């Protein structure tokens, strides 16, 4: 159990450092998360945001989706859930492609207020 806790803490520190450096490099924009979940129909994890993401060129103006098969899909969903719980925003930059009509994230982070 201690090893699991150490690994989780280490991962959270690593993700925090990546998120901090990613903000400067990838120009992550802040988004307010209204809802986060997964769809068996589309095989995606999704985040519904307050702000409009139509600039991405995708048909769903307030959805961000990542295929479940993407290795970061679980982390994306957990980051969005943490944003809801903590009242913080997520930072997102986009890949320029759409997943099931929604913008696909390239980089994301949990933002400090």
PDB file of N, CA and C in Angstrom:
ATOM      1  N   UNK A   1       0.823  -1.187   0.000  1.00  0.00           N
ATOM      2  CA  UNK A   1       0.000   0.000   0.000  1.00  0.00           C
ATOM      3  C   UNK A   1       0.872   1.257   0.000  1.00  0.00           C
ATOM      4  N   UNK A   2       1.968   1.232   0.783  1.00  0.00           N
ATOM      5  CA  UNK A   2       2.856   2.395   0.818  1.00  0.00           C
ATOM      6  C   UNK A   2       3.460   2.650  -0.556  1.00  0.00           C
ATOM      7  N   UNK A   3       3.823   1.563  -1.268  1.00  0.00           N
ATOM      8  CA  UNK A   3       4.403   1.727  -2.598  1.00  0.00           C
ATOM      9  C   UNK A   3       3.403   2.338  -3.572  1.00  0.00           C
ATOM     10  N   UNK A   4       2.142   1.949  -3.447  1.00  0.00           N
ATOM     11  CA  UNK A   4       1.108   2.520  -4.305  1.00  0.00           C
ATOM     12  C   UNK A   4       0.952   4.003  -4.017  1.00  0.00           C
ATOM     13  N   UNK A   5       0.938   4.375  -2.736  1.00  0.00           N
ATOM     14  CA  UNK A   5       0.811   5.785  -2.361  1.00  0.00           C
ATOM     15  C   UNK A   5       2.010   6.591  -2.858  1.00  0.00           C
ATOM     16  N   UNK A   6       3.222   6.013  -2.718  1.00  0.00           N
ATOM     17  CA  UNK A   6       4.421   6.698  -3.203  1.00  0.00           C
ATOM     18  C   UNK A   6       4.354   6.891  -4.709  1.00  0.00           C
ATOM     19  N   UNK A   7       3.909   5.854  -5.424  1.00  0.00           N
ATOM     20  CA  UNK A   7       3.811   5.941  -6.879  1.00  0.00           C
ATOM     21  C   UNK A   7       2.787   6.992  -7.287  1.00  0.00           C
ATOM     22  N   UNK A   8       1.653   7.028  -6.604  1.00  0.00           N
ATOM     23  CA  UNK A   8       0.614   8.013  -6.915  1.00  0.00           C
ATOM     24  C   UNK A   8       1.117   9.430  -6.655  1.00  0.00           C
ATOM     25  N   UNK A   9       1.823   9.625  -5.539  1.00  0.00           N
ATOM     26  CA  UNK A   9       2.369  10.939  -5.216  1.00  0.00           C
ATOM     27  C   UNK A   9       3.411  11.348  -6.255  1.00  0.00           C
ATOM     28  N   UNK A  10       4.269  10.413  -6.628  1.00  0.00           N
ATOM     29  CA  UNK A  10       5.292  10.685  -7.628  1.00  0.00           C
ATOM     30  C   UNK A  10       4.655  11.060  -8.959  1.00  0.00           C
ATOM     31  N   UNK A  11       3.598  10.323  -9.346  1.00  0.00           N
ATOM     32  CA  UNK A  11       2.905  10.629 -10.587  1.00  0.00           C
ATOM     33  C   UNK A  11       2.273  12.012 -10.531  1.00  0.00           C
ATOM     34  N   UNK A  12       1.674  12.368  -9.395  1.00  0.00           N
ATOM     35  CA  UNK A  12       1.042  13.683  -9.289  1.00  0.00           C
ATOM     36  C   UNK A  12       2.076  14.796  -9.381  1.00  0.00           C
ATOM     37  N   UNK A  13       3.244  14.587  -8.793  1.00  0.00           N
ATOM     38  CA  UNK A  13       4.311  15.584  -8.906  1.00  0.00           C
ATOM     39  C   UNK A  13       4.775  15.711 -10.347  1.00  0.00           C
ATOM     40  N   UNK A  14       4.942  14.569 -11.012  1.00  0.00           N
ATOM     41  CA  UNK A  14       5.383  14.575 -12.399  1.00  0.00           C
ATOM     42  C   UNK A  14       4.367  15.284 -13.276  1.00  0.00           C
ATOM     43  N   UNK A  15       3.084  14.949 -13.117  1.00  0.00           N
ATOM     44  CA  UNK A  15       2.048  15.599 -13.913  1.00  0.00           C
ATOM     45  C   UNK A  15       2.002  17.093 -13.636  1.00  0.00           C
ATOM     46  N   UNK A  16       2.200  17.481 -12.398  1.00  0.00           N
ATOM     47  CA  UNK A  16       2.211  18.898 -12.055  1.00  0.00           C
ATOM     48  C   UNK A  16       3.333  19.643 -12.747  1.00  0.00           C
ATOM     49  N   UNK A  17       4.519  19.026 -12.790  1.00  0.00           N
ATOM     50  CA  UNK A  17       5.652  19.664 -13.456  1.00  0.00           C
ATOM     51  C   UNK A  17       5.418  19.740 -14.955  1.00  0.00           C
ATOM     52  N   UNK A  18       4.872  18.673 -15.554  1.00  0.00           N
ATOM     53  CA  UNK A  18       4.587  18.679 -16.979  1.00  0.00           C
ATOM     54  C   UNK A  18       3.556  19.747 -17.298  1.00  0.00           C
ATOM     55  N   UNK A  19       2.524  19.839 -16.471  1.00  0.00           N
ATOM     56  CA  UNK A  19       1.473  20.826 -16.697  1.00  0.00           C
ATOM     57  C   UNK A  19       2.029  22.237 -16.613  1.00  0.00           C
ATOM     58  N   UNK A  20       2.909  22.480 -15.656  1.00  0.00           N
ATOM     59  CA  UNK A  20       3.491  23.807 -15.497  1.00  0.00           C
ATOM     60  C   UNK A  20       4.321  24.188 -16.709  1.00  0.00           C
ATOM     61  N   UNK A  21       5.165  23.274 -17.172  1.00  0.00           N
ATOM     62  CA  UNK A  21       6.004  23.589 -18.320  1.00  0.00           C
ATOM     63  C   UNK A  21       5.178  23.626 -19.597  1.00  0.00           C
ATOM     64  N   UNK A  22       4.120  22.813 -19.674  1.00  0.00           N
ATOM     65  CA  UNK A  22       3.288  22.783 -20.871  1.00  0.00           C
ATOM     66  C   UNK A  22       2.570  24.111 -21.067  1.00  0.00           C
ATOM     67  N   UNK A  23       2.162  24.753 -19.978  1.00  0.00           N
ATOM     68  CA  UNK A  23       1.445  26.020 -20.101  1.00  0.00           C
ATOM     69  C   UNK A  23       2.289  27.043 -20.848  1.00  0.00           C
ATOM     70  N   UNK A  24       3.536  27.132 -20.516  1.00  0.00           N
ATOM     71  CA  UNK A  24       4.412  28.106 -21.154  1.00  0.00           C
ATOM     72  C   UNK A  24       4.689  27.731 -22.608  1.00  0.00           C
ATOM     73  N   UNK A  25       4.849  26.457 -22.879  1.00  0.00           N
ATOM     74  CA  UNK A  25       5.240  26.009 -24.209  1.00  0.00           C
ATOM     75  C   UNK A  25       4.054  25.926 -25.168  1.00  0.00           C
ATOM     76  N   UNK A  26       2.910  25.448 -24.700  1.00  0.00           N
ATOM     77  CA  UNK A  26       1.802  25.143 -25.595  1.00  0.00           C
ATOM     78  C   UNK A  26       0.650  26.131 -25.524  1.00  0.00           C
ATOM     79  N   UNK A  27       0.756  27.191 -24.745  1.00  0.00           N
ATOM     80  CA  UNK A  27      -0.263  28.223 -24.660  1.00  0.00           C
ATOM     81  C   UNK A  27      -1.645  27.637 -24.387  1.00  0.00           C
ATOM     82  N   UNK A  28      -1.769  26.976 -23.259  1.00  0.00           N
ATOM     83  CA  UNK A  28      -3.030  26.362 -22.866  1.00  0.00           C
ATOM     84  C   UNK A  28      -4.041  27.440 -22.486  1.00  0.00           C
ATOM     85  N   UNK A  29      -5.240  27.342 -23.029  1.00  0.00           N
ATOM     86  CA  UNK A  29      -6.316  28.286 -22.714  1.00  0.00           C
ATOM     87  C   UNK A  29      -7.175  27.715 -21.588  1.00  0.00           C
ATOM     88  N   UNK A  30      -7.696  28.572 -20.693  1.00  0.00           N
ATOM     89  CA  UNK A  30      -8.506  28.087 -19.566  1.00  0.00           C
ATOM     90  C   UNK A  30      -9.952  27.788 -19.968  1.00  0.00           C
ATOM     91  N   UNK A  31     -10.473  26.685 -19.429  1.00  0.00           N
ATOM     92  CA  UNK A  31     -11.859  26.283 -19.674  1.00  0.00           C
ATOM     93  C   UNK A  31     -12.499  25.833 -18.368  1.00  0.00           C
ATOM     94  N   UNK A  32     -13.762  26.219 -18.180  1.00  0.00           N
ATOM     95  CA  UNK A  32     -14.546  25.823 -17.017  1.00  0.00           C
ATOM     96  C   UNK A  32     -15.261  24.514 -17.332  1.00  0.00           C
ATOM     97  N   UNK A  33     -14.994  23.476 -16.550  1.00  0.00           N
ATOM     98  CA  UNK A  33     -15.600  22.164 -16.788  1.00  0.00           C
ATOM     99  C   UNK A  33     -16.990  22.113 -16.153  1.00  0.00           C
ATOM    100  N   UNK A  34     -17.995  21.807 -16.965  1.00  0.00           N
ATOM    101  CA  UNK A  34     -19.365  21.664 -16.480  1.00  0.00           C
ATOM    102  C   UNK A  34     -19.726  20.201 -16.244  1.00  0.00           C
ATOM    103  N   UNK A  35     -19.121  19.321 -17.037  1.00  0.00           N
ATOM    104  CA  UNK A  35     -19.458  17.897 -16.979  1.00  0.00           C
ATOM    105  C   UNK A  35     -18.288  17.100 -17.547  1.00  0.00           C
ATOM    106  N   UNK A  36     -18.079  15.905 -17.022  1.00  0.00           N
ATOM    107  CA  UNK A  36     -17.030  15.019 -17.533  1.00  0.00           C
ATOM    108  C   UNK A  36     -17.526  13.590 -17.459  1.00  0.00           C
ATOM    109  N   UNK A  37     -17.225  12.800 -18.476  1.00  0.00           N
ATOM    110  CA  UNK A  37     -17.687  11.420 -18.463  1.00  0.00           C
ATOM    111  C   UNK A  37     -17.131  10.625 -19.621  1.00  0.00           C
ATOM    112  N   UNK A  38     -17.736   9.477 -19.862  1.00  0.00           N
ATOM    113  CA  UNK A  38     -17.321   8.588 -20.942  1.00  0.00           C
ATOM    114  C   UNK A  38     -18.556   8.116 -21.688  1.00  0.00           C
ATOM    115  N   UNK A  39     -18.388   7.843 -22.971  1.00  0.00           N
ATOM    116  CA  UNK A  39     -19.493   7.375 -23.797  1.00  0.00           C
ATOM    117  C   UNK A  39     -19.154   6.026 -24.406  1.00  0.00           C
ATOM    118  N   UNK A  40     -19.980   5.047 -24.123  1.00  0.00           N
ATOM    119  CA  UNK A  40     -19.830   3.732 -24.732  1.00  0.00           C
ATOM    120  C   UNK A  40     -20.239   3.790 -26.202  1.00  0.00           C
ATOM    121  N   UNK A  41     -21.140   4.710 -26.538  1.00  0.00           N
ATOM    122  CA  UNK A  41     -21.616   4.870 -27.905  1.00  0.00           C
ATOM    123  C   UNK A  41     -20.496   5.344 -28.836  1.00  0.00           C
ATOM    124  N   UNK A  42     -19.723   6.342 -28.375  1.00  0.00           N
ATOM    125  CA  UNK A  42     -18.653   6.902 -29.213  1.00  0.00           C
ATOM    126  C   UNK A  42     -17.264   6.393 -28.838  1.00  0.00           C
ATOM    127  N   UNK A  43     -17.174   5.601 -27.776  1.00  0.00           N
ATOM    128  CA  UNK A  43     -15.872   5.115 -27.280  1.00  0.00           C
ATOM    129  C   UNK A  43     -14.911   6.268 -27.009  1.00  0.00           C
ATOM    130  N   UNK A  44     -15.436   7.287 -26.331  1.00  0.00           N
ATOM    131  CA  UNK A  44     -14.623   8.451 -25.984  1.00  0.00           C
ATOM    132  C   UNK A  44     -14.851   8.845 -24.535  1.00  0.00           C
ATOM    133  N   UNK A  45     -13.890   9.588 -23.995  1.00  0.00           N
ATOM    134  CA  UNK A  45     -14.131  10.335 -22.770  1.00  0.00           C
ATOM    135  C   UNK A  45     -14.423  11.754 -23.242  1.00  0.00           C
ATOM    136  N   UNK A  46     -15.292  12.447 -22.517  1.00  0.00           N
ATOM    137  CA  UNK A  46     -15.677  13.776 -22.960  1.00  0.00           C
ATOM    138  C   UNK A  46     -15.706  14.745 -21.795  1.00  0.00           C
ATOM    139  N   UNK A  47     -15.519  16.002 -22.132  1.00  0.00           N
ATOM    140  CA  UNK A  47     -15.623  17.094 -21.178  1.00  0.00           C
ATOM    141  C   UNK A  47     -16.501  18.158 -21.825  1.00  0.00           C
ATOM    142  N   UNK A  48     -17.502  18.601 -21.089  1.00  0.00           N
ATOM    143  CA  UNK A  48     -18.349  19.703 -21.536  1.00  0.00           C
ATOM    144  C   UNK A  48     -17.840  20.944 -20.819  1.00  0.00           C
ATOM    145  N   UNK A  49     -17.538  21.986 -21.591  1.00  0.00           N
ATOM    146  CA  UNK A  49     -16.998  23.215 -21.011  1.00  0.00           C
ATOM    147  C   UNK A  49     -17.966  24.375 -21.225  1.00  0.00           C
ATOM    148  N   UNK A  50     -17.859  25.364 -20.363  1.00  0.00           N
ATOM    149  CA  UNK A  50     -18.708  26.559 -20.434  1.00  0.00           C
ATOM    150  C   UNK A  50     -18.345  27.410 -21.653  1.00  0.00           C
ATOM    151  N   UNK A  51     -17.058  27.543 -21.896  1.00  0.00           N
ATOM    152  CA  UNK A  51     -16.577  28.398 -22.972  1.00  0.00           C
ATOM    153  C   UNK A  51     -16.752  27.713 -24.337  1.00  0.00           C
ATOM    154  N   UNK A  52     -16.885  28.516 -25.351  1.00  0.00           N
ATOM    155  CA  UNK A  52     -17.051  28.025 -26.719  1.00  0.00           C
ATOM    156  C   UNK A  52     -15.705  27.565 -27.279  1.00  0.00           C
ATOM    157  N   UNK A  53     -15.673  26.384 -27.850  1.00  0.00           N
ATOM    158  CA  UNK A  53     -14.451  25.892 -28.497  1.00  0.00           C
ATOM    159  C   UNK A  53     -14.667  25.743 -30.007  1.00  0.00           C
ATOM    160  N   UNK A  54     -15.633  26.499 -30.557  1.00  0.00           N
ATOM    161  CA  UNK A  54     -15.944  26.387 -31.982  1.00  0.00           C
ATOM    162  C   UNK A  54     -14.779  26.825 -32.865  1.00  0.00           C
ATOM    163  N   UNK A  55     -13.837  27.579 -32.306  1.00  0.00           N
ATOM    164  CA  UNK A  55     -12.652  27.969 -33.068  1.00  0.00           C
ATOM    165  C   UNK A  55     -11.859  26.750 -33.538  1.00  0.00           C
ATOM    166  N   UNK A  56     -12.138  25.593 -32.943  1.00  0.00           N
ATOM    167  CA  UNK A  56     -11.442  24.364 -33.321  1.00  0.00           C
ATOM    168  C   UNK A  56     -11.920  23.850 -34.673  1.00  0.00           C
ATOM    169  N   UNK A  57     -13.061  24.359 -35.158  1.00  0.00           N
ATOM    170  CA  UNK A  57     -13.592  23.915 -36.439  1.00  0.00           C
ATOM    171  C   UNK A  57     -14.466  22.673 -36.342  1.00  0.00           C
ATOM    172  N   UNK A  58     -14.739  22.214 -35.136  1.00  0.00           N
ATOM    173  CA  UNK A  58     -15.564  21.021 -34.929  1.00  0.00           C
ATOM    174  C   UNK A  58     -17.021  21.433 -34.699  1.00  0.00           C
ATOM    175  N   UNK A  59     -17.943  20.525 -34.967  1.00  0.00           N
ATOM    176  CA  UNK A  59     -19.368  20.858 -34.895  1.00  0.00           C
ATOM    177  C   UNK A  59     -19.905  21.017 -33.472  1.00  0.00           C
ATOM    178  N   UNK A  60     -19.318  20.355 -32.492  1.00  0.00           N
ATOM    179  CA  UNK A  60     -19.763  20.454 -31.094  1.00  0.00           C
ATOM    180  C   UNK A  60     -19.023  21.618 -30.431  1.00  0.00           C
ATOM    181  N   UNK A  61     -19.726  22.715 -30.164  1.00  0.00           N
ATOM    182  CA  UNK A  61     -19.041  23.937 -29.732  1.00  0.00           C
ATOM    183  C   UNK A  61     -18.612  23.968 -28.266  1.00  0.00           C
ATOM    184  N   UNK A  62     -19.099  23.032 -27.447  1.00  0.00           N
ATOM    185  CA  UNK A  62     -18.723  23.037 -26.033  1.00  0.00           C
ATOM    186  C   UNK A  62     -18.217  21.683 -25.545  1.00  0.00           C
ATOM    187  N   UNK A  63     -17.869  20.807 -26.472  1.00  0.00           N
ATOM    188  CA  UNK A  63     -17.380  19.474 -26.124  1.00  0.00           C
ATOM    189  C   UNK A  63     -15.912  19.323 -26.482  1.00  0.00           C
ATOM    190  N   UNK A  64     -15.200  18.618 -25.625  1.00  0.00           N
ATOM    191  CA  UNK A  64     -13.830  18.190 -25.907  1.00  0.00           C
ATOM    192  C   UNK A  64     -13.839  16.676 -25.717  1.00  0.00           C
ATOM    193  N   UNK A  65     -13.347  15.930 -26.704  1.00  0.00           N
ATOM    194  CA  UNK A  65     -13.369  14.459 -26.628  1.00  0.00           C
ATOM    195  C   UNK A  65     -11.993  13.877 -26.925  1.00  0.00           C
ATOM    196  N   UNK A  66     -11.741  12.745 -26.294  1.00  0.00           N
ATOM    197  CA  UNK A  66     -10.515  11.987 -26.529  1.00  0.00           C
ATOM    198  C   UNK A  66     -10.914  10.516 -26.628  1.00  0.00           C
ATOM    199  N   UNK A  67     -10.446   9.794 -27.660  1.00  0.00           N
ATOM    200  CA  UNK A  67     -10.789   8.377 -27.772  1.00  0.00           C
ATOM    201  C   UNK A  67     -10.341   7.604 -26.531  1.00  0.00           C
ATOM    202  N   UNK A  68     -11.175   6.663 -26.100  1.00  0.00           N
ATOM    203  CA  UNK A  68     -10.820   5.831 -24.951  1.00  0.00           C
ATOM    204  C   UNK A  68      -9.516   5.089 -25.209  1.00  0.00           C
ATOM    205  N   UNK A  69      -9.239   4.774 -26.463  1.00  0.00           N
ATOM    206  CA  UNK A  69      -8.009   4.054 -26.810  1.00  0.00           C
ATOM    207  C   UNK A  69      -6.748   4.898 -26.620  1.00  0.00           C
ATOM    208  N   UNK A  70      -6.896   6.218 -26.502  1.00  0.00           N
ATOM    209  CA  UNK A  70      -5.740   7.089 -26.277  1.00  0.00           C
ATOM    210  C   UNK A  70      -5.187   6.838 -24.880  1.00  0.00           C
ATOM    211  N   UNK A  71      -3.871   6.699 -24.778  1.00  0.00           N
ATOM    212  CA  UNK A  71      -3.251   6.376 -23.484  1.00  0.00           C
ATOM    213  C   UNK A  71      -3.478   7.438 -22.418  1.00  0.00           C
ATOM    214  N   UNK A  72      -3.827   8.657 -22.790  1.00  0.00           N
ATOM    215  CA  UNK A  72      -4.063   9.718 -21.810  1.00  0.00           C
ATOM    216  C   UNK A  72      -5.543   9.944 -21.505  1.00  0.00           C
ATOM    217  N   UNK A  73      -6.428   9.127 -22.054  1.00  0.00           N
ATOM    218  CA  UNK A  73      -7.864   9.359 -21.856  1.00  0.00           C
ATOM    219  C   UNK A  73      -8.260   9.299 -20.383  1.00  0.00           C
ATOM    220  N   UNK A  74      -7.716   8.354 -19.632  1.00  0.00           N
ATOM    221  CA  UNK A  74      -8.030   8.256 -18.203  1.00  0.00           C
ATOM    222  C   UNK A  74      -7.531   9.464 -17.432  1.00  0.00           C
ATOM    223  N   UNK A  75      -6.341   9.925 -17.776  1.00  0.00           N
ATOM    224  CA  UNK A  75      -5.772  11.105 -17.120  1.00  0.00           C
ATOM    225  C   UNK A  75      -6.591  12.348 -17.465  1.00  0.00           C
ATOM    226  N   UNK A  76      -7.036  12.436 -18.712  1.00  0.00           N
ATOM    227  CA  UNK A  76      -7.869  13.564 -19.140  1.00  0.00           C
ATOM    228  C   UNK A  76      -9.163  13.607 -18.333  1.00  0.00           C
ATOM    229  N   UNK A  77      -9.814  12.461 -18.192  1.00  0.00           N
ATOM    230  CA  UNK A  77     -11.059  12.385 -17.432  1.00  0.00           C
ATOM    231  C   UNK A  77     -10.828  12.725 -15.963  1.00  0.00           C
ATOM    232  N   UNK A  78      -9.775  12.200 -15.367  1.00  0.00           N
ATOM    233  CA  UNK A  78      -9.468  12.488 -13.956  1.00  0.00           C
ATOM    234  C   UNK A  78      -9.145  13.966 -13.748  1.00  0.00           C
ATOM    235  N   UNK A  79      -8.434  14.570 -14.690  1.00  0.00           N
ATOM    236  CA  UNK A  79      -8.108  15.996 -14.596  1.00  0.00           C
ATOM    237  C   UNK A  79      -9.389  16.830 -14.633  1.00  0.00           C
ATOM    238  N   UNK A  80     -10.302  16.469 -15.519  1.00  0.00           N
ATOM    239  CA  UNK A  80     -11.576  17.190 -15.610  1.00  0.00           C
ATOM    240  C   UNK A  80     -12.408  17.010 -14.342  1.00  0.00           C
ATOM    241  N   UNK A  81     -12.441  15.799 -13.811  1.00  0.00           N
ATOM    242  CA  UNK A  81     -13.186  15.553 -12.571  1.00  0.00           C
ATOM    243  C   UNK A  81     -12.589  16.352 -11.414  1.00  0.00           C
ATOM    244  N   UNK A  82     -11.280  16.410 -11.339  1.00  0.00           N
ATOM    245  CA  UNK A  82     -10.623  17.187 -10.283  1.00  0.00           C
ATOM    246  C   UNK A  82     -10.950  18.673 -10.430  1.00  0.00           C
ATOM    247  N   UNK A  83     -11.042  19.152 -11.668  1.00  0.00           N
ATOM    248  CA  UNK A  83     -11.407  20.553 -11.894  1.00  0.00           C
ATOM    249  C   UNK A  83     -12.811  20.836 -11.363  1.00  0.00           C
ATOM    250  N   UNK A  84     -13.729  19.909 -11.572  1.00  0.00           N
ATOM    251  CA  UNK A  84     -15.095  20.080 -11.068  1.00  0.00           C
ATOM    252  C   UNK A  84     -15.090  20.108  -9.544  1.00  0.00           C
ATOM    253  N   UNK A  85     -14.416  19.148  -8.942  1.00  0.00           N
ATOM    254  CA  UNK A  85     -14.387  19.027  -7.479  1.00  0.00           C
ATOM    255  C   UNK A  85     -13.739  20.245  -6.825  1.00  0.00           C
ATOM    256  N   UNK A  86     -12.630  20.711  -7.406  1.00  0.00           N
ATOM    257  CA  UNK A  86     -11.863  21.798  -6.795  1.00  0.00           C
ATOM    258  C   UNK A  86     -12.336  23.188  -7.208  1.00  0.00           C
ATOM    259  N   UNK A  87     -13.166  23.265  -8.240  1.00  0.00           N
ATOM    260  CA  UNK A  87     -13.602  24.563  -8.735  1.00  0.00           C
ATOM    261  C   UNK A  87     -12.554  25.257  -9.587  1.00  0.00           C
ATOM    262  N   UNK A  88     -11.529  24.527  -9.994  1.00  0.00           N
ATOM    263  CA  UNK A  88     -10.479  25.092 -10.844  1.00  0.00           C
ATOM    264  C   UNK A  88     -10.826  24.872 -12.309  1.00  0.00           C
ATOM    265  N   UNK A  89     -10.063  25.489 -13.174  1.00  0.00           N
ATOM    266  CA  UNK A  89     -10.244  25.323 -14.614  1.00  0.00           C
ATOM    267  C   UNK A  89      -9.203  24.345 -15.146  1.00  0.00           C
ATOM    268  N   UNK A  90      -9.477  23.832 -16.339  1.00  0.00           N
ATOM    269  CA  UNK A  90      -8.463  23.051 -17.030  1.00  0.00           C
ATOM    270  C   UNK A  90      -7.860  23.942 -18.104  1.00  0.00           C
ATOM    271  N   UNK A  91      -6.610  23.715 -18.401  1.00  0.00           N
ATOM    272  CA  UNK A  91      -5.953  24.388 -19.507  1.00  0.00           C
ATOM    273  C   UNK A  91      -5.890  23.406 -20.660  1.00  0.00           C
ATOM    274  N   UNK A  92      -6.261  23.851 -21.862  1.00  0.00           N
ATOM    275  CA  UNK A  92      -6.283  22.950 -23.013  1.00  0.00           C
ATOM    276  C   UNK A  92      -5.742  23.661 -24.243  1.00  0.00           C
ATOM    277  N   UNK A  93      -4.933  22.947 -25.007  1.00  0.00           N
ATOM    278  CA  UNK A  93      -4.622  23.345 -26.375  1.00  0.00           C
ATOM    279  C   UNK A  93      -5.127  22.212 -27.252  1.00  0.00           C
ATOM    280  N   UNK A  94      -5.426  22.512 -28.504  1.00  0.00           N
ATOM    281  CA  UNK A  94      -6.102  21.544 -29.357  1.00  0.00           C
ATOM    282  C   UNK A  94      -5.223  21.039 -30.491  1.00  0.00           C
ATOM    283  N   UNK A  95      -5.529  19.817 -30.932  1.00  0.00           N
ATOM    284  CA  UNK A  95      -4.729  19.145 -31.953  1.00  0.00           C
ATOM    285  C   UNK A  95      -5.050  19.629 -33.358  1.00  0.00           C
ATOM    286  N   UNK A  96      -6.204  20.274 -33.531  1.00  0.00           N
ATOM    287  CA  UNK A  96      -6.616  20.694 -34.865  1.00  0.00           C
ATOM    288  C   UNK A  96      -7.496  19.659 -35.548  1.00  0.00           C
ATOM    289  N   UNK A  97      -7.764  18.556 -34.863  1.00  0.00           N
ATOM    290  CA  UNK A  97      -8.655  17.531 -35.418  1.00  0.00           C
ATOM    291  C   UNK A  97      -9.883  17.398 -34.524  1.00  0.00           C
ATOM    292  N   UNK A  98     -10.884  16.688 -35.047  1.00  0.00           N
ATOM    293  CA  UNK A  98     -12.124  16.467 -34.310  1.00  0.00           C
ATOM    294  C   UNK A  98     -12.278  14.983 -33.997  1.00  0.00           C
ATOM    295  N   UNK A  99     -12.881  14.686 -32.861  1.00  0.00           N
ATOM    296  CA  UNK A  99     -13.218  13.322 -32.471  1.00  0.00           C
ATOM    297  C   UNK A  99     -14.719  13.289 -32.233  1.00  0.00           C
ATOM    298  N   UNK A 100     -15.434  12.578 -33.097  1.00  0.00           N
ATOM    299  CA  UNK A 100     -16.894  12.514 -33.001  1.00  0.00           C
ATOM    300  C   UNK A 100     -17.514  13.907 -32.905  1.00  0.00           C
ATOM    301  N   UNK A 101     -17.042  14.826 -33.725  1.00  0.00           N
ATOM    302  CA  UNK A 101     -17.600  16.168 -33.788  1.00  0.00           C
ATOM    303  C   UNK A 101     -17.101  17.148 -32.746  1.00  0.00           C
ATOM    304  N   UNK A 102     -16.234  16.689 -31.853  1.00  0.00           N
ATOM    305  CA  UNK A 102     -15.742  17.559 -30.775  1.00  0.00           C
ATOM    306  C   UNK A 102     -14.240  17.792 -30.913  1.00  0.00           C
ATOM    307  N   UNK A 103     -13.787  18.897 -30.370  1.00  0.00           N
ATOM    308  CA  UNK A 103     -12.363  19.227 -30.405  1.00  0.00           C
ATOM    309  C   UNK A 103     -11.547  18.165 -29.669  1.00  0.00           C
ATOM    310  N   UNK A 104     -10.390  17.836 -30.214  1.00  0.00           N
ATOM    311  CA  UNK A 104      -9.492  16.850 -29.614  1.00  0.00           C
ATOM    312  C   UNK A 104      -8.351  17.589 -28.917  1.00  0.00           C
ATOM    313  N   UNK A 105      -8.140  17.325 -27.623  1.00  0.00           N
ATOM    314  CA  UNK A 105      -7.058  18.021 -26.917  1.00  0.00           C
ATOM    315  C   UNK A 105      -5.683  17.516 -27.344  1.00  0.00           C
ATOM    316  N   UNK A 106      -4.745  18.438 -27.433  1.00  0.00           N
ATOM    317  CA  UNK A 106      -3.348  18.080 -27.688  1.00  0.00           C
ATOM    318  C   UNK A 106      -2.605  18.058 -26.362  1.00  0.00           C
ATOM    319  N   UNK A 107      -2.849  19.056 -25.540  1.00  0.00           N
ATOM    320  CA  UNK A 107      -2.240  19.175 -24.211  1.00  0.00           C
ATOM    321  C   UNK A 107      -3.310  19.658 -23.245  1.00  0.00           C
ATOM    322  N   UNK A 108      -3.188  19.244 -21.986  1.00  0.00           N
ATOM    323  CA  UNK A 108      -4.155  19.686 -20.984  1.00  0.00           C
ATOM    324  C   UNK A 108      -3.502  19.683 -19.616  1.00  0.00           C
ATOM    325  N   UNK A 109      -4.071  20.482 -18.709  1.00  0.00           N
ATOM    326  CA  UNK A 109      -3.551  20.551 -17.342  1.00  0.00           C
ATOM    327  C   UNK A 109      -4.648  21.048 -16.414  1.00  0.00           C
ATOM    328  N   UNK A 110      -4.451  20.848 -15.129  1.00  0.00           N
ATOM    329  CA  UNK A 110      -5.308  21.444 -14.109  1.00  0.00           C
ATOM    330  C   UNK A 110      -4.667  22.771 -13.750  1.00  0.00           C
ATOM    331  N   UNK A 111      -5.420  23.846 -13.840  1.00  0.00           N
ATOM    332  CA  UNK A 111      -4.858  25.179 -13.629  1.00  0.00           C
ATOM    333  C   UNK A 111      -5.051  25.647 -12.195  1.00  0.00           C
ATOM    334  N   UNK A 112      -4.083  26.376 -11.710  1.00  0.00           N
ATOM    335  CA  UNK A 112      -4.226  27.053 -10.417  1.00  0.00           C
ATOM    336  C   UNK A 112      -5.099  28.279 -10.649  1.00  0.00           C
ATOM    337  N   UNK A 113      -5.812  28.697  -9.618  1.00  0.00           N
ATOM    338  CA  UNK A 113      -6.691  29.861  -9.774  1.00  0.00           C
ATOM    339  C   UNK A 113      -5.880  31.116  -9.825  1.00  0.00           C
TER     340      UNK A 113
END
